[in-house]
N, C-alpha and C. Protein backbone atom coordinates (compact mmCIF):
# COMPACT_ATOMS: atom_id res chain seq x y z
N MET A 1 -52.52 20.34 16.02
CA MET A 1 -53.65 19.44 15.69
C MET A 1 -52.61 19.53 14.77
N ASN A 2 -52.58 20.15 13.56
CA ASN A 2 -51.83 19.60 12.57
C ASN A 2 -50.55 18.34 12.61
N ARG A 3 -50.44 18.16 13.82
CA ARG A 3 -49.61 17.08 13.64
C ARG A 3 -50.11 15.95 13.76
N ASP A 4 -51.25 15.62 14.04
CA ASP A 4 -52.22 14.46 14.90
C ASP A 4 -52.34 13.88 13.12
N VAL A 5 -52.77 14.83 11.86
CA VAL A 5 -52.93 14.13 11.00
C VAL A 5 -52.22 14.42 10.27
N LYS A 6 -51.94 13.15 9.51
CA LYS A 6 -51.29 12.47 8.36
C LYS A 6 -50.97 13.67 6.99
N ALA A 7 -50.45 14.62 6.28
CA ALA A 7 -50.19 15.09 4.78
C ALA A 7 -50.45 13.63 4.08
N SER A 8 -50.98 14.52 3.09
CA SER A 8 -50.64 13.10 1.73
C SER A 8 -48.87 13.42 1.02
N TRP A 9 -48.10 12.23 1.43
CA TRP A 9 -46.89 12.12 1.10
C TRP A 9 -46.60 13.08 -0.09
N GLY A 10 -45.46 13.68 0.74
CA GLY A 10 -44.98 15.19 -0.34
C GLY A 10 -45.52 16.24 0.31
N LYS A 11 -46.39 16.92 0.73
CA LYS A 11 -47.29 17.82 0.74
C LYS A 11 -47.46 18.42 2.41
N SER A 12 -47.16 19.52 2.71
CA SER A 12 -47.98 19.41 3.87
C SER A 12 -49.22 19.31 4.44
N PHE A 13 -49.52 19.50 5.94
CA PHE A 13 -50.90 19.92 6.34
C PHE A 13 -51.76 21.16 6.07
N GLU A 14 -50.70 22.04 5.70
CA GLU A 14 -51.03 22.93 5.10
C GLU A 14 -51.74 23.42 4.14
N GLU A 15 -50.84 22.66 3.57
CA GLU A 15 -51.66 22.91 1.04
C GLU A 15 -52.04 21.77 1.97
N ASP A 16 -52.69 20.78 1.98
CA ASP A 16 -54.10 20.25 2.14
C ASP A 16 -55.56 20.92 2.34
N LEU A 17 -54.30 22.25 3.57
CA LEU A 17 -56.07 23.13 4.28
C LEU A 17 -56.58 23.88 3.01
N ALA A 18 -55.05 24.69 2.06
CA ALA A 18 -55.30 25.45 0.88
C ALA A 18 -55.85 24.93 -0.04
N GLU A 19 -55.67 24.15 -0.46
CA GLU A 19 -56.79 22.61 -1.54
C GLU A 19 -58.47 22.87 -0.87
N GLN A 20 -58.36 22.71 0.55
CA GLN A 20 -59.34 22.65 1.47
C GLN A 20 -60.18 23.97 1.12
N ASP A 21 -59.65 25.28 0.94
CA ASP A 21 -60.15 26.58 1.11
C ASP A 21 -60.82 27.11 -0.39
N SER A 22 -59.72 26.11 -1.69
CA SER A 22 -59.36 25.94 -2.58
C SER A 22 -61.04 25.49 -3.22
N GLY A 23 -61.53 24.65 -2.25
CA GLY A 23 -62.81 24.10 -2.98
C GLY A 23 -62.64 22.45 -3.06
N LEU A 24 -61.45 22.00 -3.87
CA LEU A 24 -61.01 20.84 -4.24
C LEU A 24 -61.59 19.89 -3.62
N HIS A 25 -61.27 19.61 -2.35
CA HIS A 25 -62.10 19.31 -0.89
C HIS A 25 -61.66 19.12 0.44
N SER A 26 -62.74 17.76 1.47
CA SER A 26 -62.77 18.50 2.37
C SER A 26 -62.40 17.81 3.80
N CYS A 27 -61.53 18.27 4.19
CA CYS A 27 -61.04 17.68 5.49
C CYS A 27 -62.42 17.36 6.82
N PHE A 28 -62.24 16.64 7.58
CA PHE A 28 -63.36 15.70 8.75
C PHE A 28 -62.38 15.12 9.75
N ILE A 29 -61.88 15.53 10.36
CA ILE A 29 -61.16 15.15 11.71
C ILE A 29 -62.81 14.81 12.84
N ALA A 30 -61.95 13.45 13.49
CA ALA A 30 -62.60 13.34 14.76
C ALA A 30 -61.68 14.00 15.79
N ILE A 31 -61.96 14.10 16.68
CA ILE A 31 -61.01 14.27 18.15
C ILE A 31 -61.66 13.61 19.34
N LEU A 32 -60.63 13.76 20.20
CA LEU A 32 -61.45 13.18 21.78
C LEU A 32 -60.69 13.92 22.71
N GLY A 33 -61.58 14.47 23.35
CA GLY A 33 -60.37 15.87 24.31
C GLY A 33 -60.22 16.38 23.30
N ALA A 34 -58.19 16.49 23.43
CA ALA A 34 -57.91 17.30 22.21
C ALA A 34 -57.05 16.63 21.75
N LYS A 35 -57.23 15.63 21.63
CA LYS A 35 -56.86 14.89 20.69
C LYS A 35 -57.12 14.64 19.38
N VAL A 36 -56.75 15.05 18.47
CA VAL A 36 -56.74 14.11 16.82
C VAL A 36 -56.81 12.16 16.99
N ILE A 37 -58.29 11.30 16.77
CA ILE A 37 -57.82 10.49 16.26
C ILE A 37 -58.83 9.93 15.25
N GLY A 38 -59.24 10.17 14.43
CA GLY A 38 -59.21 9.83 12.78
C GLY A 38 -59.74 11.12 11.81
N CYS A 39 -59.29 11.09 10.76
CA CYS A 39 -59.75 11.51 10.15
C CYS A 39 -59.96 11.38 8.91
N GLY A 40 -60.52 12.43 7.33
CA GLY A 40 -60.46 11.41 6.28
C GLY A 40 -61.12 12.52 5.33
N PHE A 41 -60.63 12.37 3.66
CA PHE A 41 -61.18 13.48 2.79
C PHE A 41 -62.15 13.03 1.92
N ILE A 42 -62.80 14.68 1.80
CA ILE A 42 -64.19 13.87 0.84
C ILE A 42 -63.49 15.40 -0.89
N ARG A 43 -63.18 14.26 -2.05
CA ARG A 43 -63.03 15.40 -3.23
C ARG A 43 -64.33 16.17 -3.62
N TRP A 44 -64.31 16.59 -3.84
CA TRP A 44 -65.77 17.68 -4.33
C TRP A 44 -65.66 17.08 -5.70
N ALA A 45 -64.72 17.00 -6.67
CA ALA A 45 -64.94 17.19 -7.62
C ALA A 45 -64.42 15.64 -8.87
N GLY A 46 -64.80 14.67 -7.87
CA GLY A 46 -65.15 13.10 -7.83
C GLY A 46 -63.84 12.39 -7.80
N PRO A 47 -63.71 11.32 -8.56
CA PRO A 47 -62.53 10.84 -8.80
C PRO A 47 -61.46 11.04 -9.16
N ARG A 48 -60.65 10.21 -8.30
CA ARG A 48 -58.44 10.67 -8.91
C ARG A 48 -58.77 9.17 -9.01
N ASP A 49 -58.85 8.56 -10.09
CA ASP A 49 -58.62 7.43 -10.82
C ASP A 49 -59.28 7.82 -12.29
N GLU A 50 -58.40 7.68 -13.75
CA GLU A 50 -58.74 7.78 -15.50
C GLU A 50 -60.40 7.30 -14.82
N ALA A 51 -60.02 5.90 -14.66
CA ALA A 51 -61.44 5.02 -14.99
C ALA A 51 -63.03 4.98 -13.98
N ALA A 52 -62.07 5.27 -12.91
CA ALA A 52 -63.23 5.72 -11.76
C ALA A 52 -63.94 7.26 -12.26
N ILE A 53 -62.70 8.49 -12.89
CA ILE A 53 -63.65 9.40 -13.01
C ILE A 53 -64.98 9.27 -14.71
N ARG A 54 -64.67 8.48 -15.44
CA ARG A 54 -64.71 8.35 -16.08
C ARG A 54 -66.42 7.20 -16.13
N LEU A 55 -66.44 6.40 -15.23
CA LEU A 55 -67.68 5.69 -14.93
C LEU A 55 -68.44 6.84 -13.68
N PHE A 56 -67.71 7.43 -12.42
CA PHE A 56 -68.73 7.76 -11.53
C PHE A 56 -68.11 9.53 -11.62
N PRO A 57 -68.35 10.09 -12.64
CA PRO A 57 -68.07 11.59 -12.72
C PRO A 57 -68.39 12.62 -12.10
N ASP A 58 -69.43 12.11 -11.59
CA ASP A 58 -70.60 13.41 -10.33
C ASP A 58 -70.40 12.35 -8.72
N SER A 59 -70.10 11.92 -8.68
CA SER A 59 -69.57 10.84 -7.71
C SER A 59 -68.37 11.53 -6.57
N PRO A 60 -68.48 11.88 -5.26
CA PRO A 60 -66.99 12.78 -4.62
C PRO A 60 -66.45 11.77 -4.03
N GLU A 61 -65.19 11.52 -4.12
CA GLU A 61 -65.05 9.91 -3.71
C GLU A 61 -64.19 10.86 -2.06
N ILE A 62 -64.42 9.66 -1.55
CA ILE A 62 -64.03 9.73 0.18
C ILE A 62 -62.48 9.06 0.41
N TYR A 63 -61.38 9.63 0.53
CA TYR A 63 -60.03 9.23 0.22
C TYR A 63 -59.07 9.31 1.76
N ARG A 64 -58.32 9.15 1.66
CA ARG A 64 -57.12 9.27 3.03
C ARG A 64 -58.16 8.90 4.26
N LEU A 65 -59.01 8.01 4.21
CA LEU A 65 -59.52 7.77 5.68
C LEU A 65 -58.39 7.01 6.72
N ASP A 66 -58.80 7.90 7.72
CA ASP A 66 -57.66 6.98 9.02
C ASP A 66 -57.28 7.08 10.41
N VAL A 67 -57.92 6.23 11.10
CA VAL A 67 -57.92 5.81 12.30
C VAL A 67 -57.22 5.33 13.28
N ARG A 68 -56.46 5.99 14.44
CA ARG A 68 -55.16 5.65 14.87
C ARG A 68 -56.09 4.52 15.05
N GLN A 69 -55.18 3.73 15.74
CA GLN A 69 -55.25 2.03 15.22
C GLN A 69 -55.75 2.08 17.06
N GLU A 70 -55.44 2.45 18.76
CA GLU A 70 -55.57 1.71 19.37
C GLU A 70 -57.43 2.88 19.95
N PHE A 71 -58.04 3.99 17.84
CA PHE A 71 -59.43 3.85 18.28
C PHE A 71 -60.27 3.70 17.17
N ARG A 72 -59.67 1.93 16.97
CA ARG A 72 -60.33 0.99 15.87
C ARG A 72 -61.40 0.22 16.50
N SER A 73 -62.32 0.10 15.57
CA SER A 73 -63.32 -0.58 15.59
C SER A 73 -64.55 -0.32 16.96
N LYS A 74 -64.31 1.14 17.09
CA LYS A 74 -65.38 2.26 17.74
C LYS A 74 -66.14 2.41 17.30
N GLY A 75 -66.11 2.21 16.29
CA GLY A 75 -67.44 3.64 15.54
C GLY A 75 -66.90 4.88 14.71
N ILE A 76 -65.54 5.10 15.11
CA ILE A 76 -64.92 5.86 14.46
C ILE A 76 -65.16 6.59 12.67
N GLY A 77 -64.24 5.44 12.19
CA GLY A 77 -64.34 5.61 11.15
C GLY A 77 -66.00 6.04 10.44
N THR A 78 -67.21 5.21 11.04
CA THR A 78 -67.99 5.27 10.47
C THR A 78 -69.07 6.54 10.73
N LYS A 79 -68.62 7.07 11.54
CA LYS A 79 -68.52 8.81 12.17
C LYS A 79 -68.03 9.57 10.80
N LEU A 80 -66.89 9.67 10.81
CA LEU A 80 -66.55 10.27 9.72
C LEU A 80 -67.23 9.88 8.20
N ILE A 81 -67.37 8.64 7.57
CA ILE A 81 -68.09 8.70 6.73
C ILE A 81 -69.35 9.22 6.95
N GLU A 82 -70.09 8.65 7.43
CA GLU A 82 -71.78 9.13 7.83
C GLU A 82 -71.64 10.62 7.70
N ALA A 83 -70.29 11.07 8.53
CA ALA A 83 -70.76 12.87 8.07
C ALA A 83 -70.21 13.20 6.69
N MET A 84 -69.20 12.92 6.00
CA MET A 84 -69.17 12.94 5.34
C MET A 84 -70.36 13.10 3.48
N GLU A 85 -71.02 12.09 4.55
CA GLU A 85 -72.06 11.50 3.09
C GLU A 85 -72.97 12.23 3.84
N SER A 86 -72.91 12.65 4.66
CA SER A 86 -74.41 13.83 5.10
C SER A 86 -74.28 15.55 4.87
N SER A 87 -72.45 15.30 4.10
CA SER A 87 -71.96 17.08 3.71
C SER A 87 -72.56 17.20 2.03
N ALA A 88 -71.83 15.60 1.39
CA ALA A 88 -72.20 15.55 0.22
C ALA A 88 -73.28 16.01 -0.33
N SER A 89 -74.65 15.09 0.50
CA SER A 89 -76.14 15.19 0.38
C SER A 89 -76.46 16.43 0.39
N VAL A 90 -75.69 17.22 1.22
CA VAL A 90 -76.72 18.51 1.32
C VAL A 90 -75.96 19.56 0.54
N LYS A 91 -75.14 19.30 -0.30
CA LYS A 91 -74.41 19.98 -1.36
C LYS A 91 -75.43 19.25 -2.72
N GLY A 92 -76.17 18.50 -2.85
CA GLY A 92 -77.00 17.68 -4.00
C GLY A 92 -76.42 17.03 -4.22
N PHE A 93 -75.44 16.21 -4.41
CA PHE A 93 -74.80 14.64 -4.76
C PHE A 93 -76.07 13.52 -4.56
N GLN A 94 -75.37 12.79 -5.04
CA GLN A 94 -76.79 11.16 -4.77
C GLN A 94 -76.52 10.78 -4.39
N SER A 95 -74.41 10.29 -5.10
CA SER A 95 -73.68 9.42 -4.19
C SER A 95 -72.66 9.68 -4.07
N VAL A 96 -72.02 8.79 -3.44
CA VAL A 96 -70.22 9.11 -3.12
C VAL A 96 -69.24 7.65 -3.47
N SER A 97 -68.66 7.63 -2.94
CA SER A 97 -67.66 6.51 -3.90
C SER A 97 -65.84 6.92 -3.08
N LEU A 98 -65.14 5.33 -2.87
CA LEU A 98 -63.89 5.04 -2.32
C LEU A 98 -63.18 3.97 -3.44
N GLY A 99 -62.23 4.20 -2.73
CA GLY A 99 -61.37 2.81 -3.64
C GLY A 99 -60.94 2.07 -2.25
N VAL A 100 -61.26 1.41 -2.07
CA VAL A 100 -60.25 0.50 -1.11
C VAL A 100 -59.54 -0.90 -1.38
N ASP A 101 -58.27 -0.97 -1.10
CA ASP A 101 -57.41 -1.94 -1.12
C ASP A 101 -57.83 -2.88 -1.56
N TYR A 102 -56.81 -3.90 -1.48
CA TYR A 102 -57.86 -5.64 -1.71
C TYR A 102 -56.67 -6.06 -0.43
N ASP A 103 -55.62 -5.70 0.14
CA ASP A 103 -54.61 -5.57 1.04
C ASP A 103 -55.60 -5.61 2.75
N ASN A 104 -56.39 -4.82 2.38
CA ASN A 104 -57.14 -4.13 3.62
C ASN A 104 -58.85 -4.31 3.97
N PRO A 105 -58.91 -6.54 3.99
CA PRO A 105 -60.10 -6.30 4.23
C PRO A 105 -61.04 -5.65 5.08
N ARG A 106 -60.47 -5.62 6.56
CA ARG A 106 -61.37 -4.93 7.31
C ARG A 106 -62.15 -3.32 6.57
N ALA A 107 -61.13 -2.96 5.51
CA ALA A 107 -61.75 -1.68 5.94
C ALA A 107 -62.74 -2.18 4.75
N TYR A 108 -62.48 -3.12 3.52
CA TYR A 108 -64.03 -3.59 2.57
C TYR A 108 -65.16 -3.97 3.67
N LYS A 109 -64.60 -4.81 4.67
CA LYS A 109 -65.98 -5.18 5.67
C LYS A 109 -67.03 -3.68 5.94
N LEU A 110 -66.07 -2.75 6.55
CA LEU A 110 -67.09 -1.89 7.46
C LEU A 110 -67.69 -1.09 5.78
N TYR A 111 -67.32 -0.62 4.57
CA TYR A 111 -67.42 -0.07 3.65
C TYR A 111 -69.13 -1.31 3.48
N LYS A 112 -69.13 -2.31 3.38
CA LYS A 112 -69.85 -2.98 2.91
C LYS A 112 -71.01 -2.54 3.43
N ARG A 113 -70.53 -3.04 4.61
CA ARG A 113 -71.65 -3.20 5.79
C ARG A 113 -72.39 -1.42 5.92
N LEU A 114 -71.94 -0.39 5.25
CA LEU A 114 -72.04 1.29 5.79
C LEU A 114 -73.69 1.17 4.19
N GLY A 115 -73.10 0.53 2.95
CA GLY A 115 -73.93 0.03 2.21
C GLY A 115 -73.03 0.63 0.71
N PHE A 116 -72.32 0.49 0.69
CA PHE A 116 -71.04 0.60 -0.29
C PHE A 116 -71.50 -0.67 -1.34
N GLU A 117 -71.07 -0.23 -2.47
CA GLU A 117 -71.66 -1.59 -3.56
C GLU A 117 -70.18 -1.08 -4.06
N ASP A 118 -70.50 -3.04 -4.29
CA ASP A 118 -69.08 -2.88 -5.87
C ASP A 118 -69.70 -2.39 -6.85
N THR A 119 -68.40 -2.13 -7.68
CA THR A 119 -69.09 -1.31 -9.06
C THR A 119 -67.86 -2.39 -10.58
N GLU A 120 -68.26 -2.23 -11.64
CA GLU A 120 -67.84 -2.97 -12.20
C GLU A 120 -66.09 -2.53 -12.32
N LEU A 121 -65.52 -1.48 -11.75
CA LEU A 121 -64.10 -1.02 -11.90
C LEU A 121 -63.68 -1.67 -10.53
N THR A 122 -63.09 -3.59 -10.53
CA THR A 122 -63.20 -4.42 -10.03
C THR A 122 -61.34 -3.82 -9.58
N GLU A 123 -60.55 -4.15 -10.21
CA GLU A 123 -59.65 -3.55 -10.56
C GLU A 123 -58.46 -1.98 -11.13
N TYR A 124 -58.33 -1.27 -10.01
CA TYR A 124 -57.14 -0.44 -10.52
C TYR A 124 -56.06 0.06 -9.33
N TYR A 125 -54.93 0.46 -9.87
CA TYR A 125 -53.58 0.52 -9.18
C TYR A 125 -54.11 1.99 -8.40
N ASP A 126 -54.05 2.43 -7.52
CA ASP A 126 -54.06 3.48 -6.71
C ASP A 126 -52.12 3.76 -6.25
N GLU A 127 -52.10 4.71 -7.23
CA GLU A 127 -50.54 4.83 -6.89
C GLU A 127 -50.15 6.40 -6.23
N TYR A 128 -49.44 6.14 -5.39
CA TYR A 128 -48.61 7.51 -4.24
C TYR A 128 -47.53 6.84 -4.37
N ILE A 129 -47.22 8.94 -4.17
CA ILE A 129 -45.29 8.70 -3.97
C ILE A 129 -45.02 8.56 -2.24
N TYR A 130 -44.20 7.80 -1.79
CA TYR A 130 -43.52 8.00 0.04
C TYR A 130 -42.44 8.57 0.23
N PRO A 131 -41.97 9.08 1.12
CA PRO A 131 -40.31 9.09 0.58
C PRO A 131 -39.85 7.32 1.47
N ILE A 132 -38.55 7.44 0.96
CA ILE A 132 -38.09 5.68 1.71
C ILE A 132 -35.58 6.45 2.17
N SER A 133 -36.07 7.70 2.01
CA SER A 133 -34.99 8.26 3.04
C SER A 133 -34.34 9.60 2.06
N GLU A 134 -33.66 9.79 3.20
CA GLU A 134 -33.55 11.18 2.85
C GLU A 134 -33.53 11.93 1.91
N GLY A 135 -34.53 12.54 1.25
CA GLY A 135 -34.90 13.27 -0.57
C GLY A 135 -34.94 12.02 -1.18
N LYS A 136 -35.26 11.33 -1.04
CA LYS A 136 -35.42 9.87 -2.10
C LYS A 136 -36.90 9.33 -1.64
N THR A 137 -37.59 9.42 -3.16
CA THR A 137 -39.22 8.53 -3.02
C THR A 137 -38.96 7.07 -3.59
N ALA A 138 -40.41 6.53 -3.73
CA ALA A 138 -40.35 6.01 -3.87
C ALA A 138 -42.16 6.30 -4.84
N THR A 139 -42.80 4.78 -5.58
CA THR A 139 -44.32 4.77 -6.02
C THR A 139 -44.86 3.96 -5.27
N ALA A 140 -46.30 3.48 -4.85
CA ALA A 140 -46.35 2.26 -4.48
C ALA A 140 -48.03 2.03 -5.78
N ARG A 141 -47.77 1.11 -5.67
CA ARG A 141 -49.27 1.19 -6.06
C ARG A 141 -49.59 -0.52 -5.83
N ASP A 142 -51.06 0.24 -4.80
CA ASP A 142 -51.82 -0.77 -4.29
C ASP A 142 -53.17 -0.82 -5.81
N LEU A 143 -53.42 -2.59 -5.88
CA LEU A 143 -54.82 -3.01 -6.16
C LEU A 143 -55.69 -3.23 -5.68
N CYS A 144 -56.50 -2.30 -6.59
CA CYS A 144 -57.93 -1.88 -5.30
C CYS A 144 -59.21 -2.04 -6.31
N ARG A 145 -59.96 -1.77 -5.04
CA ARG A 145 -61.76 -1.69 -6.36
C ARG A 145 -62.38 -0.65 -5.37
N TYR A 146 -62.62 -0.44 -7.10
CA TYR A 146 -64.06 0.83 -6.43
C TYR A 146 -65.43 0.88 -6.06
N LEU A 147 -65.56 1.69 -4.80
CA LEU A 147 -67.04 1.08 -4.49
C LEU A 147 -68.31 2.17 -4.71
N VAL A 148 -69.34 2.42 -4.75
CA VAL A 148 -69.89 3.94 -4.65
C VAL A 148 -71.57 2.62 -3.87
N LYS A 149 -72.08 4.00 -2.55
CA LYS A 149 -73.26 4.02 -2.22
C LYS A 149 -73.29 4.77 -2.76
N GLN A 150 -75.19 5.31 -2.89
CA GLN A 150 -76.07 5.97 -3.13
C GLN A 150 -76.46 6.56 -1.71
N ILE A 151 -76.62 7.75 -1.85
CA ILE A 151 -77.02 8.74 -0.74
C ILE A 151 -78.54 9.21 -0.34
């Protein structure tokens, strides 16, 4: 199964699971038969971005939501988000949050339909490292906006 879930760049899925064991985040996985068709993480310590931390320190952040291309628009992302929201509610949180890339209007539309609201954090850069060739990496900077939903 770990080959079907994308690890964060520069990490293995086993490292993601170790971080889950430490309580940093939880990984939610959508499975159809024996096939992983989607996954997402919720970071219990709150947002990863400095500005979002200041604005929403008590709001777990949903991130790395991904559904396989052939299963998109079938409600899988919605079910993953609902499961994360439910888990956050059980843990006593009042809201969940997430960032969405301006280049991903489809995801933004989904989040708005699910009740996420725009915040005053209308522009920030999500930075991450990705491999470009054997042993070499680059840093990407995606312009994003931050959304919050009361649960």
